[in-house]
Amino acid sequence: MATLKELLARKAEIEKQIDDAARNERAEAIAKVKALMAEHGLSVADLGGRGSARSARGTGSKVAAKYRDGATGQTWSGRGLRPNWLKAALASGRKLEDFAV
């Protein structure tokens, strides 16, 4: 039976082999992708990388404020969670209509 020290050494060697194999397979995959891109005249932009969904739906323009606190000037578009300043004002008895723009 192998000792703990021997087993740990074999484990380290196997982990190194796994890392090497993963690195080699990744490099091969990248080379294949680059070759296919060159063959078909594709660029990274053609692949629809990061941000492609955003660019497809627009530039993400801001939404106009629907509610404003007259005292502080803080605003809320009415989308997403209510901001803390509005929650506090509503909890103190004010109405949402009081802040309508």
C-alpha atoms as a PDB file:
ATOM      1  CA  MET A   1       0.000   0.000   0.000  1.00  0.00           C
ATOM      2  CA  ALA A   2       1.227   3.484  -0.896  1.00  0.00           C
ATOM      3  CA  THR A   3       2.006   6.042   1.763  1.00  0.00           C
ATOM      4  CA  LEU A   4       0.204   9.333   2.096  1.00  0.00           C
ATOM      5  CA  LYS A   5       3.254  11.183   0.802  1.00  0.00           C
ATOM      6  CA  GLU A   6       3.372   9.012  -2.336  1.00  0.00           C
ATOM      7  CA  LEU A   7      -0.341   9.418  -2.963  1.00  0.00           C
ATOM      8  CA  LEU A   8      -0.114  13.196  -2.616  1.00  0.00           C
ATOM      9  CA  ALA A   9       2.801  13.265  -5.044  1.00  0.00           C
ATOM     10  CA  ARG A  10       0.814  11.213  -7.573  1.00  0.00           C
ATOM     11  CA  LYS A  11      -2.189  13.503  -7.034  1.00  0.00           C
ATOM     12  CA  ALA A  12      -0.043  16.574  -7.752  1.00  0.00           C
ATOM     13  CA  GLU A  13       1.356  14.929 -10.902  1.00  0.00           C
ATOM     14  CA  ILE A  14      -2.158  13.993 -12.106  1.00  0.00           C
ATOM     15  CA  GLU A  15      -3.453  17.530 -11.437  1.00  0.00           C
ATOM     16  CA  LYS A  16      -0.540  18.908 -13.458  1.00  0.00           C
ATOM     17  CA  GLN A  17      -1.357  16.517 -16.302  1.00  0.00           C
ATOM     18  CA  ILE A  18      -5.022  17.570 -16.154  1.00  0.00           C
ATOM     19  CA  ASP A  19      -4.058  21.256 -16.325  1.00  0.00           C
ATOM     20  CA  ASP A  20      -1.703  20.594 -19.242  1.00  0.00           C
ATOM     21  CA  ALA A  21      -4.340  18.590 -21.125  1.00  0.00           C
ATOM     22  CA  ALA A  22      -6.983  21.283 -20.560  1.00  0.00           C
ATOM     23  CA  ARG A  23      -4.583  23.998 -21.737  1.00  0.00           C
ATOM     24  CA  ASN A  24      -3.694  21.993 -24.870  1.00  0.00           C
ATOM     25  CA  GLU A  25      -7.330  21.233 -25.710  1.00  0.00           C
ATOM     26  CA  ARG A  26      -8.247  24.882 -25.235  1.00  0.00           C
ATOM     27  CA  ALA A  27      -5.411  25.983 -27.523  1.00  0.00           C
ATOM     28  CA  GLU A  28      -6.528  23.466 -30.155  1.00  0.00           C
ATOM     29  CA  ALA A  29     -10.125  24.670 -29.923  1.00  0.00           C
ATOM     30  CA  ILE A  30      -9.045  28.300 -30.297  1.00  0.00           C
ATOM     31  CA  ALA A  31      -6.942  27.394 -33.326  1.00  0.00           C
ATOM     32  CA  LYS A  32      -9.911  25.581 -34.916  1.00  0.00           C
ATOM     33  CA  VAL A  33     -12.222  28.535 -34.272  1.00  0.00           C
ATOM     34  CA  LYS A  34      -9.700  30.986 -35.723  1.00  0.00           C
ATOM     35  CA  ALA A  35      -9.285  28.802 -38.796  1.00  0.00           C
ATOM     36  CA  LEU A  36     -13.054  28.609 -39.317  1.00  0.00           C
ATOM     37  CA  MET A  37     -13.388  32.366 -38.847  1.00  0.00           C
ATOM     38  CA  ALA A  38     -10.661  33.005 -41.406  1.00  0.00           C
ATOM     39  CA  GLU A  39     -12.191  30.503 -43.817  1.00  0.00           C
ATOM     40  CA  HIS A  40     -15.596  32.179 -43.654  1.00  0.00           C
ATOM     41  CA  GLY A  41     -14.382  35.770 -43.297  1.00  0.00           C
ATOM     42  CA  LEU A  42     -15.864  36.269 -39.837  1.00  0.00           C
ATOM     43  CA  SER A  43     -14.806  38.717 -37.150  1.00  0.00           C
ATOM     44  CA  VAL A  44     -15.365  38.674 -33.399  1.00  0.00           C
ATOM     45  CA  ALA A  45     -18.200  41.171 -33.860  1.00  0.00           C
ATOM     46  CA  ASP A  46     -19.946  38.688 -36.164  1.00  0.00           C
ATOM     47  CA  LEU A  47     -20.023  36.182 -33.317  1.00  0.00           C
ATOM     48  CA  GLY A  48     -22.207  38.461 -31.178  1.00  0.00           C
ATOM     49  CA  GLY A  49     -19.906  38.594 -28.174  1.00  0.00           C
ATOM     50  CA  ARG A  50     -20.499  40.559 -25.002  1.00  0.00           C
ATOM     51  CA  GLY A  51     -22.981  43.360 -25.266  1.00  0.00           C
ATOM     52  CA  SER A  52     -24.603  42.087 -28.434  1.00  0.00           C
ATOM     53  CA  ALA A  53     -28.001  41.733 -26.750  1.00  0.00           C
ATOM     54  CA  ARG A  54     -27.786  45.302 -25.478  1.00  0.00           C
ATOM     55  CA  SER A  55     -26.779  46.671 -28.858  1.00  0.00           C
ATOM     56  CA  ALA A  56     -29.601  44.719 -30.488  1.00  0.00           C
ATOM     57  CA  ARG A  57     -32.214  46.296 -28.242  1.00  0.00           C
ATOM     58  CA  GLY A  58     -30.842  49.837 -28.277  1.00  0.00           C
ATOM     59  CA  THR A  59     -28.434  52.004 -26.423  1.00  0.00           C
ATOM     60  CA  GLY A  60     -30.147  51.681 -23.050  1.00  0.00           C
ATOM     61  CA  SER A  61     -31.355  55.272 -22.823  1.00  0.00           C
ATOM     62  CA  LYS A  62     -32.559  56.597 -19.497  1.00  0.00           C
ATOM     63  CA  VAL A  63     -36.230  56.688 -18.641  1.00  0.00           C
ATOM     64  CA  ALA A  64     -37.793  59.993 -17.641  1.00  0.00           C
ATOM     65  CA  ALA A  65     -38.544  60.452 -13.955  1.00  0.00           C
ATOM     66  CA  LYS A  66     -42.167  59.978 -12.917  1.00  0.00           C
ATOM     67  CA  TYR A  67     -41.701  60.880  -9.259  1.00  0.00           C
ATOM     68  CA  ARG A  68     -39.633  63.618  -7.633  1.00  0.00           C
ATOM     69  CA  ASP A  69     -39.039  64.696  -4.066  1.00  0.00           C
ATOM     70  CA  GLY A  70     -39.348  68.474  -4.156  1.00  0.00           C
ATOM     71  CA  ALA A  71     -37.251  68.938  -1.032  1.00  0.00           C
ATOM     72  CA  THR A  72     -34.215  66.921  -2.078  1.00  0.00           C
ATOM     73  CA  GLY A  73     -34.638  66.695  -5.843  1.00  0.00           C
ATOM     74  CA  GLN A  74     -34.304  62.908  -5.819  1.00  0.00           C
ATOM     75  CA  THR A  75     -36.195  61.147  -8.599  1.00  0.00           C
ATOM     76  CA  TRP A  76     -37.563  57.724  -9.474  1.00  0.00           C
ATOM     77  CA  SER A  77     -38.650  56.501 -12.899  1.00  0.00           C
ATOM     78  CA  GLY A  78     -41.291  54.181 -11.493  1.00  0.00           C
ATOM     79  CA  ARG A  79     -39.294  51.149 -12.608  1.00  0.00           C
ATOM     80  CA  GLY A  80     -37.647  48.680 -10.310  1.00  0.00           C
ATOM     81  CA  LEU A  81     -37.743  48.791  -6.544  1.00  0.00           C
ATOM     82  CA  ARG A  82     -38.939  51.914  -4.815  1.00  0.00           C
ATOM     83  CA  PRO A  83     -36.029  53.969  -3.538  1.00  0.00           C
ATOM     84  CA  ASN A  84     -35.547  54.356   0.204  1.00  0.00           C
ATOM     85  CA  TRP A  85     -36.415  58.057   0.194  1.00  0.00           C
ATOM     86  CA  LEU A  86     -39.830  57.260  -1.307  1.00  0.00           C
ATOM     87  CA  LYS A  87     -40.448  54.311   1.016  1.00  0.00           C
ATOM     88  CA  ALA A  88     -39.743  56.525   4.011  1.00  0.00           C
ATOM     89  CA  ALA A  89     -42.036  59.271   2.749  1.00  0.00           C
ATOM     90  CA  LEU A  90     -44.860  56.817   2.082  1.00  0.00           C
ATOM     91  CA  ALA A  91     -44.381  55.259   5.521  1.00  0.00           C
ATOM     92  CA  SER A  92     -44.748  58.705   7.089  1.00  0.00           C
ATOM     93  CA  GLY A  93     -48.200  59.087   5.561  1.00  0.00           C
ATOM     94  CA  ARG A  94     -47.563  60.857   2.266  1.00  0.00           C
ATOM     95  CA  LYS A  95     -49.114  59.536  -0.947  1.00  0.00           C
ATOM     96  CA  LEU A  96     -47.391  58.467  -4.131  1.00  0.00           C
ATOM     97  CA  GLU A  97     -49.384  61.066  -6.066  1.00  0.00           C
ATOM     98  CA  ASP A  98     -47.673  63.786  -3.979  1.00  0.00           C
ATOM     99  CA  PHE A  99     -44.425  63.017  -5.811  1.00  0.00           C
ATOM    100  CA  ALA A 100     -45.776  62.729  -9.373  1.00  0.00           C
ATOM    101  CA  VAL A 101     -43.899  64.847 -11.893  1.00  0.00           C
END
